[in-house]
C-alpha atoms as a PDB file:
ATOM      1  CA  MET A   1    -106.014  82.260  22.991  1.00  0.00           C
ATOM      2  CA  ALA A   2    -108.943  81.181  20.942  1.00  0.00           C
ATOM      3  CA  GLN A   3    -106.500  80.471  17.902  1.00  0.00           C
ATOM      4  CA  ILE A   4    -104.251  78.398  20.102  1.00  0.00           C
ATOM      5  CA  MET A   5    -107.065  76.284  21.417  1.00  0.00           C
ATOM      6  CA  ALA A   6    -108.276  75.860  17.710  1.00  0.00           C
ATOM      7  CA  GLY A   7    -104.690  74.547  16.957  1.00  0.00           C
ATOM      8  CA  VAL A   8    -104.805  72.426  19.674  1.00  0.00           C
ATOM      9  CA  ASN A   9    -107.990  70.766  18.800  1.00  0.00           C
ATOM     10  CA  ASN A  10    -106.949  70.329  15.376  1.00  0.00           C
ATOM     11  CA  MET A  11    -103.778  68.571  16.493  1.00  0.00           C
ATOM     12  CA  LEU A  12    -106.206  66.123  18.690  1.00  0.00           C
ATOM     13  CA  ASN A  13    -108.410  65.520  15.703  1.00  0.00           C
ATOM     14  CA  ASN A  14    -105.412  64.602  13.598  1.00  0.00           C
ATOM     15  CA  GLU A  15    -104.052  62.333  16.090  1.00  0.00           C
ATOM     16  CA  THR A  16    -107.311  60.628  16.375  1.00  0.00           C
ATOM     17  CA  GLU A  17    -107.467  60.083  12.618  1.00  0.00           C
ATOM     18  CA  MET A  18    -103.982  58.895  12.554  1.00  0.00           C
ATOM     19  CA  LYS A  19    -104.784  56.341  15.317  1.00  0.00           C
ATOM     20  CA  SER A  20    -107.355  54.812  13.643  1.00  0.00           C
ATOM     21  CA  MET A  21    -106.211  52.115  11.242  1.00  0.00           C
ATOM     22  CA  ASP A  22    -107.143  51.576   7.573  1.00  0.00           C
ATOM     23  CA  ALA A  23    -106.982  47.891   6.910  1.00  0.00           C
ATOM     24  CA  ASN A  24    -106.756  48.571   2.852  1.00  0.00           C
ATOM     25  CA  ARG A  25    -103.999  51.129   3.118  1.00  0.00           C
ATOM     26  CA  TYR A  26    -102.145  48.940   5.391  1.00  0.00           C
ATOM     27  CA  ALA A  27    -102.369  46.015   3.359  1.00  0.00           C
ATOM     28  CA  THR A  28    -101.560  47.867   0.218  1.00  0.00           C
ATOM     29  CA  LYS A  29     -98.340  49.348   2.064  1.00  0.00           C
ATOM     30  CA  LYS A  30     -97.438  45.728   3.030  1.00  0.00           C
ATOM     31  CA  THR A  31     -97.559  44.498  -0.425  1.00  0.00           C
ATOM     32  CA  ILE A  32     -95.593  46.969  -1.924  1.00  0.00           C
ATOM     33  CA  ALA A  33     -92.955  46.592   0.686  1.00  0.00           C
ATOM     34  CA  GLN A  34     -93.171  43.003   0.213  1.00  0.00           C
ATOM     35  CA  GLY A  35     -92.778  43.301  -3.388  1.00  0.00           C
ATOM     36  CA  MET A  36     -89.808  45.616  -2.985  1.00  0.00           C
ATOM     37  CA  LEU A  37     -87.997  43.454  -0.911  1.00  0.00           C
ATOM     38  CA  ASP A  38     -88.492  40.379  -3.268  1.00  0.00           C
ATOM     39  CA  ILE A  39     -87.278  42.367  -6.045  1.00  0.00           C
ATOM     40  CA  ALA A  40     -83.969  43.266  -3.885  1.00  0.00           C
ATOM     41  CA  LEU A  41     -83.436  39.722  -2.865  1.00  0.00           C
ATOM     42  CA  LEU A  42     -83.921  38.738  -6.824  1.00  0.00           C
ATOM     43  CA  THR A  43     -81.408  41.508  -7.615  1.00  0.00           C
ATOM     44  CA  ALA A  44     -78.899  40.352  -4.743  1.00  0.00           C
ATOM     45  CA  ASN A  45     -79.176  36.739  -6.154  1.00  0.00           C
ATOM     46  CA  ALA A  46     -78.353  37.862  -9.657  1.00  0.00           C
ATOM     47  CA  SER A  47     -75.463  39.962  -8.571  1.00  0.00           C
ATOM     48  CA  GLN A  48     -74.214  36.875  -6.525  1.00  0.00           C
ATOM     49  CA  LEU A  49     -74.804  34.746  -9.613  1.00  0.00           C
ATOM     50  CA  LYS A  50     -72.759  37.123 -11.895  1.00  0.00           C
ATOM     51  CA  TYR A  51     -69.822  37.184  -9.424  1.00  0.00           C
ATOM     52  CA  ILE A  52     -69.741  33.372  -9.313  1.00  0.00           C
ATOM     53  CA  LEU A  53     -69.726  33.009 -13.046  1.00  0.00           C
ATOM     54  CA  GLN A  54     -67.018  35.636 -13.613  1.00  0.00           C
ATOM     55  CA  VAL A  55     -64.755  34.048 -10.835  1.00  0.00           C
ATOM     56  CA  GLY A  56     -65.533  30.734 -12.342  1.00  0.00           C
ATOM     57  CA  GLU A  57     -63.990  27.431 -10.775  1.00  0.00           C
ATOM     58  CA  GLN A  58     -61.295  29.416  -8.873  1.00  0.00           C
ATOM     59  CA  HIS A  59     -64.067  29.970  -6.306  1.00  0.00           C
ATOM     60  CA  GLN A  60     -63.758  27.865  -3.433  1.00  0.00           C
ATOM     61  CA  PHE A  61     -67.388  26.481  -3.459  1.00  0.00           C
ATOM     62  CA  TYR A  62     -68.026  27.308  -7.183  1.00  0.00           C
ATOM     63  CA  LYS A  63     -70.475  24.291  -7.710  1.00  0.00           C
ATOM     64  CA  VAL A  64     -72.192  24.762  -4.576  1.00  0.00           C
ATOM     65  CA  MET A  65     -72.702  28.249  -5.069  1.00  0.00           C
ATOM     66  CA  LEU A  66     -73.923  27.904  -8.290  1.00  0.00           C
ATOM     67  CA  ILE A  67     -76.734  25.348  -7.511  1.00  0.00           C
ATOM     68  CA  LEU A  68     -77.767  27.197  -4.495  1.00  0.00           C
ATOM     69  CA  ILE A  69     -78.211  30.697  -6.161  1.00  0.00           C
ATOM     70  CA  SER A  70     -79.822  29.123  -9.206  1.00  0.00           C
ATOM     71  CA  LEU A  71     -82.297  27.235  -6.832  1.00  0.00           C
ATOM     72  CA  SER A  72     -83.109  30.402  -5.085  1.00  0.00           C
ATOM     73  CA  ILE A  73     -83.893  32.328  -8.433  1.00  0.00           C
ATOM     74  CA  VAL A  74     -86.059  29.493  -9.591  1.00  0.00           C
ATOM     75  CA  LEU A  75     -88.034  29.476  -6.345  1.00  0.00           C
ATOM     76  CA  GLN A  76     -88.445  33.023  -6.366  1.00  0.00           C
ATOM     77  CA  ILE A  77     -89.759  33.049  -9.760  1.00  0.00           C
ATOM     78  CA  LEU A  78     -91.969  30.211  -8.866  1.00  0.00           C
ATOM     79  CA  SER A  79     -93.184  32.223  -5.858  1.00  0.00           C
ATOM     80  CA  GLY A  80     -94.017  35.184  -8.063  1.00  0.00           C
ATOM     81  CA  ILE A  81     -96.128  33.069 -10.502  1.00  0.00           C
ATOM     82  CA  LEU A  82     -97.897  31.710  -7.668  1.00  0.00           C
ATOM     83  CA  SER A  83     -98.631  35.088  -6.241  1.00  0.00           C
ATOM     84  CA  LEU A  84     -99.743  36.285  -9.280  1.00  0.00           C
ATOM     85  CA  SER A  85    -102.034  33.443  -9.884  1.00  0.00           C
ATOM     86  CA  LEU A  86    -103.526  33.789  -6.371  1.00  0.00           C
ATOM     87  CA  SER A  87    -103.810  37.427  -6.869  1.00  0.00           C
ATOM     88  CA  LEU A  88    -105.982  36.735 -10.235  1.00  0.00           C
ATOM     89  CA  MET A  89    -107.911  34.193  -8.365  1.00  0.00           C
ATOM     90  CA  ARG A  90    -108.735  36.651  -5.804  1.00  0.00           C
ATOM     91  CA  ASP A  91    -109.995  39.143  -8.247  1.00  0.00           C
ATOM     92  CA  ARG A  92    -112.199  36.601 -10.314  1.00  0.00           C
ATOM     93  CA  ARG A  93    -113.284  33.650  -8.546  1.00  0.00           C
ATOM     94  CA  MET A  94    -112.941  34.270  -4.682  1.00  0.00           C
ATOM     95  CA  HIS A  95    -116.679  34.813  -4.294  1.00  0.00           C
ATOM     96  CA  LYS A  96    -117.116  31.472  -5.126  1.00  0.00           C
ATOM     97  CA  PRO A  97    -116.754  28.932  -2.269  1.00  0.00           C
ATOM     98  CA  GLU A  98    -115.244  25.988  -4.269  1.00  0.00           C
ATOM     99  CA  PHE A  99    -112.145  28.083  -5.089  1.00  0.00           C
ATOM    100  CA  HIS A 100    -111.048  28.906  -1.339  1.00  0.00           C
ATOM    101  CA  GLN A 101    -109.590  25.318  -0.817  1.00  0.00           C
ATOM    102  CA  SER A 102    -107.335  25.833  -3.868  1.00  0.00           C
ATOM    103  CA  ALA A 103    -106.499  29.429  -2.824  1.00  0.00           C
ATOM    104  CA  ASN A 104    -105.229  28.305   0.284  1.00  0.00           C
ATOM    105  CA  VAL A 105    -103.051  25.234  -1.084  1.00  0.00           C
ATOM    106  CA  ILE A 106    -101.365  27.920  -3.299  1.00  0.00           C
ATOM    107  CA  ASN A 107    -100.868  30.315  -0.376  1.00  0.00           C
ATOM    108  CA  HIS A 108     -99.305  27.494   1.576  1.00  0.00           C
ATOM    109  CA  ILE A 109     -97.163  26.373  -1.448  1.00  0.00           C
ATOM    110  CA  ARG A 110     -95.946  29.923  -1.838  1.00  0.00           C
ATOM    111  CA  THR A 111     -95.173  30.155   2.010  1.00  0.00           C
ATOM    112  CA  GLY A 112     -93.198  27.142   1.645  1.00  0.00           C
ATOM    113  CA  PHE A 113     -91.290  28.648  -1.044  1.00  0.00           C
ATOM    114  CA  ALA A 114     -90.563  31.634   0.808  1.00  0.00           C
ATOM    115  CA  PHE A 115     -89.154  29.596   3.649  1.00  0.00           C
ATOM    116  CA  PHE A 116     -86.936  27.457   1.269  1.00  0.00           C
ATOM    117  CA  VAL A 117     -85.760  30.736  -0.387  1.00  0.00           C
ATOM    118  CA  THR A 118     -84.676  32.160   3.114  1.00  0.00           C
ATOM    119  CA  MET A 119     -82.833  29.073   4.115  1.00  0.00           C
ATOM    120  CA  LEU A 120     -80.945  28.959   0.520  1.00  0.00           C
ATOM    121  CA  ASN A 121     -79.852  32.548   0.947  1.00  0.00           C
ATOM    122  CA  LEU A 122     -78.568  31.714   4.579  1.00  0.00           C
ATOM    123  CA  PHE A 123     -76.418  29.054   3.038  1.00  0.00           C
ATOM    124  CA  ILE A 124     -75.299  31.176   0.080  1.00  0.00           C
ATOM    125  CA  SER A 125     -74.268  33.531   2.933  1.00  0.00           C
ATOM    126  CA  ALA A 126     -72.343  31.116   4.603  1.00  0.00           C
ATOM    127  CA  PHE A 127     -70.480  29.918   1.451  1.00  0.00           C
ATOM    128  CA  ASP A 128     -69.824  33.261   0.113  1.00  0.00           C
ATOM    129  CA  SER A 129     -65.936  33.834   0.064  1.00  0.00           C
ATOM    130  CA  ARG A 130     -66.392  37.667  -0.649  1.00  0.00           C
ATOM    131  CA  LEU A 131     -66.789  38.136   3.213  1.00  0.00           C
ATOM    132  CA  PRO A 132     -63.570  38.972   4.833  1.00  0.00           C
ATOM    133  CA  ALA A 133     -61.784  36.012   6.825  1.00  0.00           C
ATOM    134  CA  PRO A 134     -61.395  36.369  10.379  1.00  0.00           C
ATOM    135  CA  GLN A 135     -57.783  37.954  11.441  1.00  0.00           C
ATOM    136  CA  GLY A 136     -57.262  36.006  14.908  1.00  0.00           C
ATOM    137  CA  ASP A 137     -58.411  37.250  18.304  1.00  0.00           C
ATOM    138  CA  PHE A 138     -59.491  40.856  18.344  1.00  0.00           C
ATOM    139  CA  LEU A 139     -58.232  41.193  21.592  1.00  0.00           C
ATOM    140  CA  SER A 140     -54.908  40.162  21.065  1.00  0.00           C
ATOM    141  CA  ASP A 141     -54.499  42.470  18.287  1.00  0.00           C
ATOM    142  CA  LEU A 142     -55.165  45.534  20.917  1.00  0.00           C
ATOM    143  CA  ASN A 143     -51.858  44.793  22.890  1.00  0.00           C
END
């Protein structure tokens, strides 16, 4: 019985430790996840660009897709450069109050780039002809 009680107490202590949130650990995981998503989006854009360049002028929206994908890649690269500069600024100069305003400006610009990249990729998805075209009414096909 004593072993069971010790095991239950151990489990309760572990749950209490798990419920308390370590902000640094959370921020690190969030940054890693964001970086992985950024790499996945950049890889997807590179794959789409490769496809468009292989198909060439035969693609129905060749020029539009080429411009949208290229712009998305350029904005992603600029956003990465801004993130890197913001990170370096945090490491070196954020203890000085005169750099707080410029860090906020860089952060706002980077957030704007992320918004525009999201919008561009929505348009890229809309113009992507690799998706199968609708084949009529689904319900009428059942009869």
